[in-house]
Amino acid sequence: MSAATALSARGADRGGRPRDAHASAASIGLWVFMGVATALFSLFIVAYVVRMSGDDSMTIALPWQLWLSSALLVAGSVALQWAGGASRRPGPMRARRLLLAGGLCAVGFLGAQLWAWQALLSAQVMPAGNPAGSFFYLLTAMHGLHLAGGLVGWAWMANAAWPDPARAAWRIALCARYWHFMLAVWLVLFALLGWVTPEVARFICGTS
């Protein structure tokens, strides 16, 4: 084995990602950010449950567009996961297509969320008034902002990975991890908004 081959072997993990300081720092930084974001969303979830236990709370009919946005986010998460695997195999075209699909699905998710907002506003569900409506706009906006920030990271990653996805496999893996996190957060929020009624909230808070 040549010296260059030995260095290359030491510089890559089992998934083919380079074990350099930058990759390790980026991975740790992403875990820290996701931990902070988890704490933030957890506080909003607790606040939602407590507020929904009030006597003035009413449920709202969630627009069907949320199912579309959920499907798009699932598809984007899967596409980026597959892009990470494709980047470690010969031929860059499949990885490039999957990277592009992941980003387009995220853009579609944001568009579907705005469509859902428009549907609620047309139904006279305003940001002020009913606590369920207020928290719907707040929670979806917070999640949308985090995903929009992720799109900035995706664009940076895609620019670096496009010439040679294999050399940027660790970047793709980090982007996929964040997409999985955003998907998990959204599924929790979707379930919260759809199933935590005032009755359920009062039961949780012990005020029923």
N, C-alpha and C. Protein backbone atom coordinates (compact mmCIF):
# COMPACT_ATOMS: atom_id res chain seq x y z
N MET A 1 0.85 -1.20 0.00
CA MET A 1 0.00 0.00 0.00
C MET A 1 0.88 1.24 0.00
N SER A 2 0.61 2.17 -0.89
CA SER A 2 1.38 3.39 -0.97
C SER A 2 1.03 4.32 0.18
N ALA A 3 1.92 5.33 0.38
CA ALA A 3 1.66 6.29 1.45
C ALA A 3 0.39 7.06 1.19
N ALA A 4 0.12 7.42 -0.08
CA ALA A 4 -1.09 8.17 -0.41
C ALA A 4 -2.33 7.35 -0.14
N THR A 5 -2.26 6.03 -0.47
CA THR A 5 -3.41 5.17 -0.23
C THR A 5 -3.66 5.00 1.25
N ALA A 6 -2.59 4.88 2.03
CA ALA A 6 -2.75 4.74 3.48
C ALA A 6 -3.37 5.97 4.09
N LEU A 7 -2.92 7.13 3.64
CA LEU A 7 -3.50 8.37 4.17
C LEU A 7 -4.96 8.48 3.79
N SER A 8 -5.29 8.06 2.56
CA SER A 8 -6.68 8.12 2.13
C SER A 8 -7.54 7.19 2.96
N ALA A 9 -7.01 6.00 3.27
CA ALA A 9 -7.78 5.05 4.07
C ALA A 9 -8.00 5.57 5.47
N ARG A 10 -6.96 6.18 6.04
CA ARG A 10 -7.12 6.74 7.39
C ARG A 10 -8.03 7.94 7.38
N GLY A 11 -8.13 8.62 6.25
CA GLY A 11 -8.92 9.85 6.18
C GLY A 11 -10.37 9.61 5.86
N ALA A 12 -10.78 8.35 5.77
CA ALA A 12 -12.19 8.09 5.44
C ALA A 12 -12.74 7.07 6.42
N ASP A 13 -14.00 7.22 6.77
CA ASP A 13 -14.65 6.25 7.64
C ASP A 13 -15.30 5.18 6.80
N ARG A 14 -16.05 4.29 7.43
CA ARG A 14 -16.63 3.16 6.72
C ARG A 14 -17.64 3.62 5.67
N GLY A 15 -18.24 4.77 5.84
CA GLY A 15 -19.20 5.27 4.86
C GLY A 15 -18.56 6.04 3.75
N GLY A 16 -17.22 6.18 3.78
CA GLY A 16 -16.54 6.88 2.72
C GLY A 16 -16.39 8.36 2.98
N ARG A 17 -16.74 8.84 4.18
CA ARG A 17 -16.66 10.26 4.47
C ARG A 17 -15.30 10.59 5.06
N PRO A 18 -14.67 11.66 4.66
CA PRO A 18 -13.36 12.00 5.19
C PRO A 18 -13.42 12.34 6.67
N ARG A 19 -12.47 11.79 7.40
CA ARG A 19 -12.41 12.04 8.84
C ARG A 19 -11.46 13.20 9.10
N ASP A 20 -11.78 14.35 8.63
CA ASP A 20 -10.94 15.50 8.91
C ASP A 20 -11.60 16.34 9.98
N ALA A 21 -10.86 17.33 10.44
CA ALA A 21 -11.34 18.15 11.54
C ALA A 21 -12.59 18.93 11.14
N HIS A 22 -12.64 19.36 9.90
CA HIS A 22 -13.78 20.16 9.46
C HIS A 22 -15.06 19.33 9.48
N ALA A 23 -14.98 18.08 9.00
CA ALA A 23 -16.16 17.22 8.99
C ALA A 23 -16.63 16.93 10.41
N SER A 24 -15.68 16.65 11.31
CA SER A 24 -16.04 16.37 12.70
C SER A 24 -16.66 17.57 13.37
N ALA A 25 -16.08 18.75 13.14
CA ALA A 25 -16.62 19.96 13.74
C ALA A 25 -18.01 20.27 13.21
N ALA A 26 -18.21 20.07 11.90
CA ALA A 26 -19.52 20.32 11.31
C ALA A 26 -20.56 19.36 11.87
N SER A 27 -20.18 18.10 12.06
CA SER A 27 -21.11 17.12 12.61
C SER A 27 -21.50 17.47 14.04
N ILE A 28 -20.51 17.84 14.85
CA ILE A 28 -20.80 18.21 16.24
C ILE A 28 -21.67 19.46 16.28
N GLY A 29 -21.33 20.44 15.44
CA GLY A 29 -22.11 21.67 15.39
C GLY A 29 -23.55 21.42 15.02
N LEU A 30 -23.77 20.50 14.08
CA LEU A 30 -25.14 20.17 13.69
C LEU A 30 -25.89 19.50 14.82
N TRP A 31 -25.24 18.58 15.53
CA TRP A 31 -25.91 17.94 16.67
C TRP A 31 -26.29 18.97 17.73
N VAL A 32 -25.39 19.91 17.99
CA VAL A 32 -25.68 20.95 18.98
C VAL A 32 -26.86 21.80 18.53
N PHE A 33 -26.85 22.19 17.26
CA PHE A 33 -27.96 23.00 16.75
C PHE A 33 -29.28 22.25 16.84
N MET A 34 -29.28 20.98 16.48
CA MET A 34 -30.51 20.21 16.56
C MET A 34 -30.98 20.05 18.00
N GLY A 35 -30.04 19.96 18.93
CA GLY A 35 -30.42 19.89 20.34
C GLY A 35 -31.09 21.17 20.80
N VAL A 36 -30.54 22.31 20.40
CA VAL A 36 -31.14 23.60 20.75
C VAL A 36 -32.51 23.74 20.11
N ALA A 37 -32.62 23.36 18.83
CA ALA A 37 -33.91 23.45 18.15
C ALA A 37 -34.94 22.53 18.79
N THR A 38 -34.51 21.35 19.23
CA THR A 38 -35.42 20.44 19.91
C THR A 38 -35.95 21.05 21.19
N ALA A 39 -35.07 21.69 21.95
CA ALA A 39 -35.51 22.35 23.18
C ALA A 39 -36.50 23.47 22.88
N LEU A 40 -36.23 24.23 21.82
CA LEU A 40 -37.12 25.33 21.45
C LEU A 40 -38.50 24.82 21.07
N PHE A 41 -38.54 23.84 20.19
CA PHE A 41 -39.83 23.30 19.78
C PHE A 41 -40.55 22.62 20.94
N SER A 42 -39.80 22.00 21.84
CA SER A 42 -40.42 21.37 23.01
C SER A 42 -41.13 22.40 23.87
N LEU A 43 -40.51 23.56 24.05
CA LEU A 43 -41.15 24.62 24.83
C LEU A 43 -42.43 25.10 24.16
N PHE A 44 -42.40 25.24 22.84
CA PHE A 44 -43.61 25.66 22.13
C PHE A 44 -44.71 24.59 22.23
N ILE A 45 -44.32 23.33 22.20
CA ILE A 45 -45.30 22.25 22.31
C ILE A 45 -45.97 22.28 23.69
N VAL A 46 -45.16 22.45 24.72
CA VAL A 46 -45.72 22.54 26.08
C VAL A 46 -46.66 23.73 26.19
N ALA A 47 -46.25 24.87 25.63
CA ALA A 47 -47.09 26.07 25.67
C ALA A 47 -48.40 25.83 24.93
N TYR A 48 -48.33 25.12 23.82
CA TYR A 48 -49.55 24.82 23.04
C TYR A 48 -50.52 23.98 23.86
N VAL A 49 -50.00 22.93 24.49
CA VAL A 49 -50.87 22.05 25.28
C VAL A 49 -51.51 22.81 26.44
N VAL A 50 -50.72 23.61 27.13
CA VAL A 50 -51.25 24.39 28.26
C VAL A 50 -52.31 25.37 27.78
N ARG A 51 -52.02 26.06 26.66
CA ARG A 51 -52.99 27.05 26.17
C ARG A 51 -54.26 26.39 25.66
N MET A 52 -54.13 25.23 25.05
CA MET A 52 -55.31 24.55 24.53
C MET A 52 -56.20 24.00 25.64
N SER A 53 -55.68 23.93 26.84
CA SER A 53 -56.51 23.45 27.96
C SER A 53 -57.43 24.54 28.50
N GLY A 54 -57.32 25.75 27.98
CA GLY A 54 -58.17 26.85 28.42
C GLY A 54 -59.60 26.70 27.94
N ASP A 55 -60.49 27.41 28.61
CA ASP A 55 -61.92 27.31 28.29
C ASP A 55 -62.27 27.94 26.94
N ASP A 56 -61.42 28.84 26.43
CA ASP A 56 -61.73 29.54 25.18
C ASP A 56 -61.14 28.85 23.95
N SER A 57 -60.57 27.68 24.13
CA SER A 57 -59.90 27.01 23.02
C SER A 57 -60.90 26.21 22.19
N MET A 58 -60.66 26.21 20.89
CA MET A 58 -61.47 25.42 19.96
C MET A 58 -60.55 24.80 18.93
N THR A 59 -60.91 23.63 18.45
CA THR A 59 -60.12 22.99 17.41
C THR A 59 -60.39 23.65 16.06
N ILE A 60 -59.43 23.53 15.16
CA ILE A 60 -59.62 24.02 13.80
C ILE A 60 -59.45 22.84 12.84
N ALA A 61 -60.11 22.93 11.72
CA ALA A 61 -59.98 21.89 10.70
C ALA A 61 -58.69 22.13 9.92
N LEU A 62 -57.78 21.19 10.01
CA LEU A 62 -56.51 21.35 9.31
C LEU A 62 -56.71 21.21 7.81
N PRO A 63 -56.12 22.08 7.02
CA PRO A 63 -56.28 22.00 5.56
C PRO A 63 -55.61 20.75 4.99
N TRP A 64 -56.17 20.24 3.90
CA TRP A 64 -55.64 19.02 3.31
C TRP A 64 -54.23 19.23 2.74
N GLN A 65 -53.86 20.48 2.49
CA GLN A 65 -52.53 20.75 1.93
C GLN A 65 -51.41 20.27 2.86
N LEU A 66 -51.72 20.11 4.15
CA LEU A 66 -50.69 19.64 5.07
C LEU A 66 -50.28 18.20 4.77
N TRP A 67 -51.20 17.40 4.25
CA TRP A 67 -50.84 16.05 3.86
C TRP A 67 -49.90 16.07 2.66
N LEU A 68 -50.14 17.00 1.75
CA LEU A 68 -49.26 17.15 0.60
C LEU A 68 -47.87 17.58 1.04
N SER A 69 -47.81 18.58 1.92
CA SER A 69 -46.51 19.06 2.38
C SER A 69 -45.77 17.96 3.14
N SER A 70 -46.50 17.16 3.91
CA SER A 70 -45.86 16.06 4.64
C SER A 70 -45.26 15.05 3.68
N ALA A 71 -46.00 14.71 2.63
CA ALA A 71 -45.49 13.77 1.64
C ALA A 71 -44.24 14.31 0.95
N LEU A 72 -44.23 15.60 0.67
CA LEU A 72 -43.06 16.22 0.01
C LEU A 72 -41.84 16.18 0.93
N LEU A 73 -42.06 16.41 2.22
CA LEU A 73 -40.92 16.40 3.14
C LEU A 73 -40.39 14.99 3.32
N VAL A 74 -41.28 14.01 3.36
CA VAL A 74 -40.83 12.61 3.41
C VAL A 74 -40.01 12.28 2.16
N ALA A 75 -40.51 12.68 1.00
CA ALA A 75 -39.81 12.39 -0.25
C ALA A 75 -38.44 13.07 -0.28
N GLY A 76 -38.37 14.31 0.20
CA GLY A 76 -37.09 15.01 0.22
C GLY A 76 -36.10 14.35 1.15
N SER A 77 -36.56 13.90 2.31
CA SER A 77 -35.69 13.23 3.26
C SER A 77 -35.15 11.92 2.68
N VAL A 78 -36.03 11.16 2.02
CA VAL A 78 -35.61 9.91 1.40
C VAL A 78 -34.62 10.17 0.27
N ALA A 79 -34.90 11.20 -0.54
CA ALA A 79 -34.02 11.51 -1.66
C ALA A 79 -32.61 11.85 -1.20
N LEU A 80 -32.49 12.63 -0.14
CA LEU A 80 -31.16 12.99 0.35
C LEU A 80 -30.46 11.80 0.98
N GLN A 81 -31.21 10.93 1.63
CA GLN A 81 -30.61 9.72 2.17
C GLN A 81 -30.06 8.85 1.05
N TRP A 82 -30.83 8.70 -0.01
CA TRP A 82 -30.36 7.93 -1.16
C TRP A 82 -29.20 8.63 -1.88
N ALA A 83 -29.22 9.96 -1.87
CA ALA A 83 -28.11 10.70 -2.49
C ALA A 83 -26.79 10.39 -1.78
N GLY A 84 -26.87 10.27 -0.44
CA GLY A 84 -25.66 9.93 0.30
C GLY A 84 -25.11 8.58 -0.11
N GLY A 85 -26.01 7.60 -0.30
CA GLY A 85 -25.56 6.30 -0.74
C GLY A 85 -25.06 6.32 -2.18
N ALA A 86 -25.74 7.06 -3.04
CA ALA A 86 -25.33 7.13 -4.44
C ALA A 86 -23.98 7.82 -4.61
N SER A 87 -23.66 8.75 -3.70
CA SER A 87 -22.39 9.47 -3.83
C SER A 87 -21.19 8.57 -3.61
N ARG A 88 -21.40 7.42 -2.99
CA ARG A 88 -20.29 6.49 -2.71
C ARG A 88 -20.15 5.42 -3.78
N ARG A 89 -20.98 5.51 -4.82
CA ARG A 89 -20.90 4.54 -5.91
C ARG A 89 -20.41 5.24 -7.19
N PRO A 90 -19.88 4.48 -8.11
CA PRO A 90 -19.37 5.10 -9.35
C PRO A 90 -20.47 5.81 -10.11
N GLY A 91 -20.10 6.91 -10.74
CA GLY A 91 -21.05 7.67 -11.54
C GLY A 91 -21.76 8.72 -10.71
N PRO A 92 -21.60 9.99 -11.06
CA PRO A 92 -22.18 11.06 -10.24
C PRO A 92 -23.62 11.42 -10.58
N MET A 93 -24.16 10.95 -11.71
CA MET A 93 -25.45 11.46 -12.17
C MET A 93 -26.59 11.13 -11.22
N ARG A 94 -26.64 9.90 -10.69
CA ARG A 94 -27.73 9.53 -9.78
C ARG A 94 -27.69 10.39 -8.52
N ALA A 95 -26.50 10.58 -7.97
CA ALA A 95 -26.38 11.42 -6.77
C ALA A 95 -26.83 12.85 -7.06
N ARG A 96 -26.46 13.37 -8.20
CA ARG A 96 -26.87 14.74 -8.55
C ARG A 96 -28.38 14.86 -8.68
N ARG A 97 -29.00 13.89 -9.33
CA ARG A 97 -30.46 13.92 -9.48
C ARG A 97 -31.15 13.84 -8.13
N LEU A 98 -30.65 13.00 -7.25
CA LEU A 98 -31.26 12.86 -5.93
C LEU A 98 -31.05 14.11 -5.08
N LEU A 99 -29.89 14.73 -5.21
CA LEU A 99 -29.65 16.00 -4.50
C LEU A 99 -30.64 17.06 -4.96
N LEU A 100 -30.83 17.15 -6.26
CA LEU A 100 -31.76 18.13 -6.80
C LEU A 100 -33.19 17.82 -6.36
N ALA A 101 -33.55 16.55 -6.36
CA ALA A 101 -34.89 16.17 -5.93
C ALA A 101 -35.13 16.53 -4.47
N GLY A 102 -34.12 16.33 -3.63
CA GLY A 102 -34.27 16.67 -2.21
C GLY A 102 -34.53 18.16 -2.01
N GLY A 103 -33.79 18.99 -2.73
CA GLY A 103 -34.00 20.43 -2.60
C GLY A 103 -35.34 20.88 -3.15
N LEU A 104 -35.74 20.32 -4.30
CA LEU A 104 -37.03 20.71 -4.89
C LEU A 104 -38.19 20.28 -4.00
N CYS A 105 -38.08 19.13 -3.37
CA CYS A 105 -39.14 18.69 -2.45
C CYS A 105 -39.26 19.63 -1.26
N ALA A 106 -38.12 20.14 -0.77
CA ALA A 106 -38.16 21.09 0.34
C ALA A 106 -38.83 22.40 -0.08
N VAL A 107 -38.51 22.87 -1.28
CA VAL A 107 -39.16 24.07 -1.79
C VAL A 107 -40.66 23.83 -1.95
N GLY A 108 -41.00 22.64 -2.46
CA GLY A 108 -42.42 22.30 -2.59
C GLY A 108 -43.11 22.24 -1.24
N PHE A 109 -42.42 21.74 -0.22
CA PHE A 109 -42.99 21.71 1.12
C PHE A 109 -43.35 23.11 1.59
N LEU A 110 -42.43 24.05 1.43
CA LEU A 110 -42.70 25.42 1.86
C LEU A 110 -43.86 26.02 1.08
N GLY A 111 -43.92 25.73 -0.23
CA GLY A 111 -45.03 26.22 -1.03
C GLY A 111 -46.36 25.65 -0.57
N ALA A 112 -46.39 24.37 -0.23
CA ALA A 112 -47.62 23.74 0.24
C ALA A 112 -48.03 24.30 1.60
N GLN A 113 -47.06 24.64 2.43
CA GLN A 113 -47.38 25.23 3.73
C GLN A 113 -48.02 26.61 3.55
N LEU A 114 -47.48 27.40 2.63
CA LEU A 114 -48.08 28.70 2.35
C LEU A 114 -49.48 28.55 1.77
N TRP A 115 -49.67 27.52 0.97
CA TRP A 115 -50.99 27.21 0.43
C TRP A 115 -51.96 26.87 1.57
N ALA A 116 -51.48 26.13 2.55
CA ALA A 116 -52.32 25.79 3.71
C ALA A 116 -52.67 27.05 4.49
N TRP A 117 -51.72 27.96 4.63
CA TRP A 117 -52.02 29.24 5.29
C TRP A 117 -53.13 29.97 4.55
N GLN A 118 -53.00 30.02 3.23
CA GLN A 118 -54.02 30.72 2.42
C GLN A 118 -55.39 30.07 2.61
N ALA A 119 -55.43 28.75 2.67
CA ALA A 119 -56.70 28.05 2.87
C ALA A 119 -57.32 28.40 4.22
N LEU A 120 -56.50 28.47 5.26
CA LEU A 120 -57.02 28.82 6.58
C LEU A 120 -57.48 30.27 6.63
N LEU A 121 -56.72 31.15 6.03
CA LEU A 121 -57.13 32.56 6.01
C LEU A 121 -58.44 32.73 5.24
N SER A 122 -58.61 31.96 4.17
CA SER A 122 -59.86 32.03 3.42
C SER A 122 -61.03 31.52 4.26
N ALA A 123 -60.73 30.61 5.19
CA ALA A 123 -61.77 30.09 6.08
C ALA A 123 -61.94 30.96 7.32
N GLN A 124 -61.34 32.15 7.31
CA GLN A 124 -61.44 33.11 8.41
C GLN A 124 -60.78 32.62 9.69
N VAL A 125 -59.76 31.77 9.58
CA VAL A 125 -58.94 31.38 10.72
C VAL A 125 -57.74 32.32 10.73
N MET A 126 -57.77 33.28 11.64
CA MET A 126 -56.76 34.33 11.67
C MET A 126 -55.66 34.02 12.71
N PRO A 127 -54.51 34.69 12.57
CA PRO A 127 -53.44 34.46 13.55
C PRO A 127 -53.82 34.89 14.96
N ALA A 128 -54.74 35.83 15.09
CA ALA A 128 -55.17 36.27 16.42
C ALA A 128 -56.58 35.78 16.67
N GLY A 129 -56.85 35.45 17.90
CA GLY A 129 -58.20 35.01 18.27
C GLY A 129 -58.18 33.64 18.89
N ASN A 130 -58.48 32.62 18.10
CA ASN A 130 -58.50 31.25 18.59
C ASN A 130 -57.07 30.78 18.86
N PRO A 131 -56.78 30.28 20.07
CA PRO A 131 -55.41 29.81 20.37
C PRO A 131 -54.92 28.76 19.39
N ALA A 132 -55.81 27.86 18.94
CA ALA A 132 -55.37 26.83 17.99
C ALA A 132 -54.89 27.45 16.69
N GLY A 133 -55.60 28.46 16.20
CA GLY A 133 -55.18 29.13 14.99
C GLY A 133 -53.88 29.89 15.19
N SER A 134 -53.76 30.57 16.33
CA SER A 134 -52.54 31.33 16.60
C SER A 134 -51.33 30.42 16.64
N PHE A 135 -51.45 29.29 17.34
CA PHE A 135 -50.32 28.37 17.44
C PHE A 135 -50.05 27.67 16.11
N PHE A 136 -51.10 27.46 15.31
CA PHE A 136 -50.86 26.86 14.00
C PHE A 136 -49.90 27.72 13.19
N TYR A 137 -50.19 29.00 13.10
CA TYR A 137 -49.32 29.89 12.32
C TYR A 137 -47.94 30.00 12.95
N LEU A 138 -47.88 30.05 14.28
CA LEU A 138 -46.59 30.18 14.95
C LEU A 138 -45.72 28.95 14.73
N LEU A 139 -46.28 27.77 14.97
CA LEU A 139 -45.50 26.55 14.88
C LEU A 139 -45.07 26.25 13.45
N THR A 140 -45.99 26.44 12.50
CA THR A 140 -45.63 26.17 11.11
C THR A 140 -44.62 27.20 10.60
N ALA A 141 -44.73 28.44 11.07
CA ALA A 141 -43.76 29.45 10.67
C ALA A 141 -42.37 29.14 11.23
N MET A 142 -42.31 28.73 12.49
CA MET A 142 -41.03 28.38 13.09
C MET A 142 -40.38 27.22 12.35
N HIS A 143 -41.18 26.21 12.06
CA HIS A 143 -40.64 25.06 11.34
C HIS A 143 -40.22 25.46 9.93
N GLY A 144 -41.05 26.28 9.26
CA GLY A 144 -40.71 26.73 7.92
C GLY A 144 -39.42 27.53 7.87
N LEU A 145 -39.18 28.35 8.88
CA LEU A 145 -37.94 29.13 8.93
C LEU A 145 -36.72 28.22 9.10
N HIS A 146 -36.87 27.20 9.93
CA HIS A 146 -35.76 26.26 10.10
C HIS A 146 -35.49 25.49 8.81
N LEU A 147 -36.55 25.15 8.08
CA LEU A 147 -36.33 24.44 6.82
C LEU A 147 -35.76 25.36 5.75
N ALA A 148 -36.20 26.62 5.76
CA ALA A 148 -35.64 27.58 4.82
C ALA A 148 -34.14 27.77 5.08
N GLY A 149 -33.76 27.82 6.37
CA GLY A 149 -32.34 27.87 6.69
C GLY A 149 -31.62 26.63 6.21
N GLY A 150 -32.29 25.48 6.32
CA GLY A 150 -31.70 24.25 5.80
C GLY A 150 -31.50 24.28 4.30
N LEU A 151 -32.39 24.98 3.59
CA LEU A 151 -32.23 25.11 2.15
C LEU A 151 -30.98 25.91 1.78
N VAL A 152 -30.65 26.88 2.62
CA VAL A 152 -29.40 27.61 2.39
C VAL A 152 -28.22 26.65 2.51
N GLY A 153 -28.25 25.82 3.57
CA GLY A 153 -27.20 24.82 3.72
C GLY A 153 -27.20 23.80 2.59
N TRP A 154 -28.40 23.43 2.13
CA TRP A 154 -28.49 22.49 1.00
C TRP A 154 -27.85 23.09 -0.25
N ALA A 155 -28.11 24.37 -0.53
CA ALA A 155 -27.53 25.02 -1.71
C ALA A 155 -26.01 25.05 -1.62
N TRP A 156 -25.49 25.34 -0.44
CA TRP A 156 -24.04 25.35 -0.24
C TRP A 156 -23.46 23.96 -0.43
N MET A 157 -24.14 22.96 0.12
CA MET A 157 -23.69 21.59 0.00
C MET A 157 -23.75 21.13 -1.46
N ALA A 158 -24.87 21.42 -2.14
CA ALA A 158 -25.04 20.98 -3.52
C ALA A 158 -23.98 21.61 -4.43
N ASN A 159 -23.64 22.86 -4.16
CA ASN A 159 -22.61 23.53 -4.96
C ASN A 159 -21.26 22.84 -4.79
N ALA A 160 -20.98 22.41 -3.55
CA ALA A 160 -19.70 21.73 -3.31
C ALA A 160 -19.71 20.30 -3.84
N ALA A 161 -20.88 19.65 -3.80
CA ALA A 161 -20.95 18.24 -4.18
C ALA A 161 -21.16 18.02 -5.67
N TRP A 162 -21.66 19.01 -6.38
CA TRP A 162 -22.04 18.80 -7.78
C TRP A 162 -20.89 18.31 -8.66
N PRO A 163 -19.68 18.91 -8.57
CA PRO A 163 -18.60 18.44 -9.45
C PRO A 163 -18.22 16.98 -9.17
N ASP A 164 -18.17 16.60 -7.90
CA ASP A 164 -17.76 15.24 -7.53
C ASP A 164 -18.46 14.86 -6.23
N PRO A 165 -19.66 14.25 -6.31
CA PRO A 165 -20.40 13.91 -5.08
C PRO A 165 -19.62 13.03 -4.12
N ALA A 166 -18.73 12.18 -4.63
CA ALA A 166 -17.98 11.28 -3.75
C ALA A 166 -17.10 12.05 -2.77
N ARG A 167 -16.53 13.16 -3.21
CA ARG A 167 -15.66 13.94 -2.33
C ARG A 167 -16.44 14.72 -1.28
N ALA A 168 -17.73 14.90 -1.51
CA ALA A 168 -18.56 15.65 -0.58
C ALA A 168 -19.60 14.75 0.09
N ALA A 169 -19.31 13.45 0.18
CA ALA A 169 -20.28 12.51 0.75
C ALA A 169 -20.64 12.88 2.19
N TRP A 170 -19.66 13.37 2.95
CA TRP A 170 -19.95 13.72 4.34
C TRP A 170 -20.86 14.94 4.43
N ARG A 171 -20.74 15.87 3.48
CA ARG A 171 -21.63 17.02 3.45
C ARG A 171 -23.07 16.58 3.15
N ILE A 172 -23.21 15.66 2.21
CA ILE A 172 -24.54 15.14 1.87
C ILE A 172 -25.14 14.43 3.08
N ALA A 173 -24.32 13.69 3.79
CA ALA A 173 -24.81 12.96 4.97
C ALA A 173 -25.31 13.93 6.05
N LEU A 174 -24.59 15.03 6.25
CA LEU A 174 -25.02 16.01 7.25
C LEU A 174 -26.33 16.67 6.82
N CYS A 175 -26.45 16.98 5.53
CA CYS A 175 -27.68 17.59 5.04
C CYS A 175 -28.86 16.63 5.20
N ALA A 176 -28.63 15.35 4.89
CA ALA A 176 -29.68 14.36 5.06
C ALA A 176 -30.08 14.23 6.52
N ARG A 177 -29.11 14.28 7.42
CA ARG A 177 -29.42 14.21 8.85
C ARG A 177 -30.33 15.35 9.27
N TYR A 178 -30.03 16.54 8.79
CA TYR A 178 -30.87 17.69 9.15
C TYR A 178 -32.27 17.54 8.56
N TRP A 179 -32.37 17.02 7.34
CA TRP A 179 -33.69 16.80 6.72
C TRP A 179 -34.49 15.77 7.52
N HIS A 180 -33.83 14.72 8.00
CA HIS A 180 -34.53 13.73 8.84
C HIS A 180 -35.03 14.39 10.12
N PHE A 181 -34.22 15.27 10.68
CA PHE A 181 -34.62 15.98 11.89
C PHE A 181 -35.83 16.87 11.64
N MET A 182 -35.79 17.61 10.53
CA MET A 182 -36.92 18.47 10.18
C MET A 182 -38.19 17.66 9.94
N LEU A 183 -38.03 16.48 9.33
CA LEU A 183 -39.18 15.62 9.12
C LEU A 183 -39.76 15.13 10.45
N ALA A 184 -38.88 14.72 11.37
CA ALA A 184 -39.35 14.24 12.67
C ALA A 184 -40.08 15.35 13.43
N VAL A 185 -39.52 16.56 13.40
CA VAL A 185 -40.16 17.69 14.08
C VAL A 185 -41.52 17.97 13.45
N TRP A 186 -41.59 17.95 12.13
CA TRP A 186 -42.86 18.23 11.47
C TRP A 186 -43.92 17.19 11.80
N LEU A 187 -43.55 15.92 11.82
CA LEU A 187 -44.52 14.88 12.14
C LEU A 187 -45.07 15.04 13.55
N VAL A 188 -44.21 15.45 14.48
CA VAL A 188 -44.68 15.71 15.85
C VAL A 188 -45.64 16.90 15.86
N LEU A 189 -45.28 17.97 15.15
CA LEU A 189 -46.14 19.15 15.11
C LEU A 189 -47.47 18.84 14.42
N PHE A 190 -47.42 18.08 13.35
CA PHE A 190 -48.63 17.72 12.62
C PHE A 190 -49.57 16.92 13.52
N ALA A 191 -49.01 15.95 14.25
CA ALA A 191 -49.83 15.16 15.17
C ALA A 191 -50.37 16.04 16.29
N LEU A 192 -49.55 16.95 16.78
CA LEU A 192 -49.98 17.85 17.85
C LEU A 192 -51.16 18.70 17.41
N LEU A 193 -51.03 19.31 16.24
CA LEU A 193 -52.08 20.20 15.75
C LEU A 193 -53.36 19.45 15.40
N GLY A 194 -53.22 18.21 14.98
CA GLY A 194 -54.38 17.46 14.55
C GLY A 194 -55.10 16.70 15.64
N TRP A 195 -54.37 16.27 16.66
CA TRP A 195 -54.96 15.35 17.63
C TRP A 195 -55.04 15.87 19.06
N VAL A 196 -54.30 16.91 19.37
CA VAL A 196 -54.40 17.45 20.73
C VAL A 196 -55.52 18.48 20.76
N THR A 197 -56.71 17.98 21.04
CA THR A 197 -57.91 18.82 21.15
C THR A 197 -57.94 19.45 22.55
N PRO A 198 -58.85 20.41 22.78
CA PRO A 198 -58.97 20.96 24.14
C PRO A 198 -59.23 19.88 25.19
N GLU A 199 -60.02 18.87 24.85
CA GLU A 199 -60.29 17.80 25.80
C GLU A 199 -59.03 17.02 26.14
N VAL A 200 -58.25 16.71 25.10
CA VAL A 200 -57.00 15.99 25.33
C VAL A 200 -56.03 16.84 26.13
N ALA A 201 -55.96 18.14 25.81
CA ALA A 201 -55.06 19.03 26.53
C ALA A 201 -55.44 19.14 28.00
N ARG A 202 -56.74 19.21 28.28
CA ARG A 202 -57.17 19.28 29.67
C ARG A 202 -56.86 18.00 30.42
N PHE A 203 -56.97 16.88 29.72
CA PHE A 203 -56.63 15.60 30.36
C PHE A 203 -55.14 15.56 30.69
N ILE A 204 -54.30 16.01 29.73
CA ILE A 204 -52.85 16.03 29.96
C ILE A 204 -52.49 16.94 31.12
N CYS A 205 -53.14 18.10 31.17
CA CYS A 205 -52.83 19.09 32.22
C CYS A 205 -53.53 18.78 33.53
N GLY A 206 -54.42 17.79 33.54
CA GLY A 206 -55.12 17.42 34.76
C GLY A 206 -56.21 18.39 35.16
N THR A 207 -56.79 19.09 34.18
CA THR A 207 -57.84 20.06 34.48
C THR A 207 -59.18 19.64 33.94
N SER A 208 -59.29 18.41 33.44
CA SER A 208 -60.55 17.95 32.86
C SER A 208 -61.55 17.57 33.96
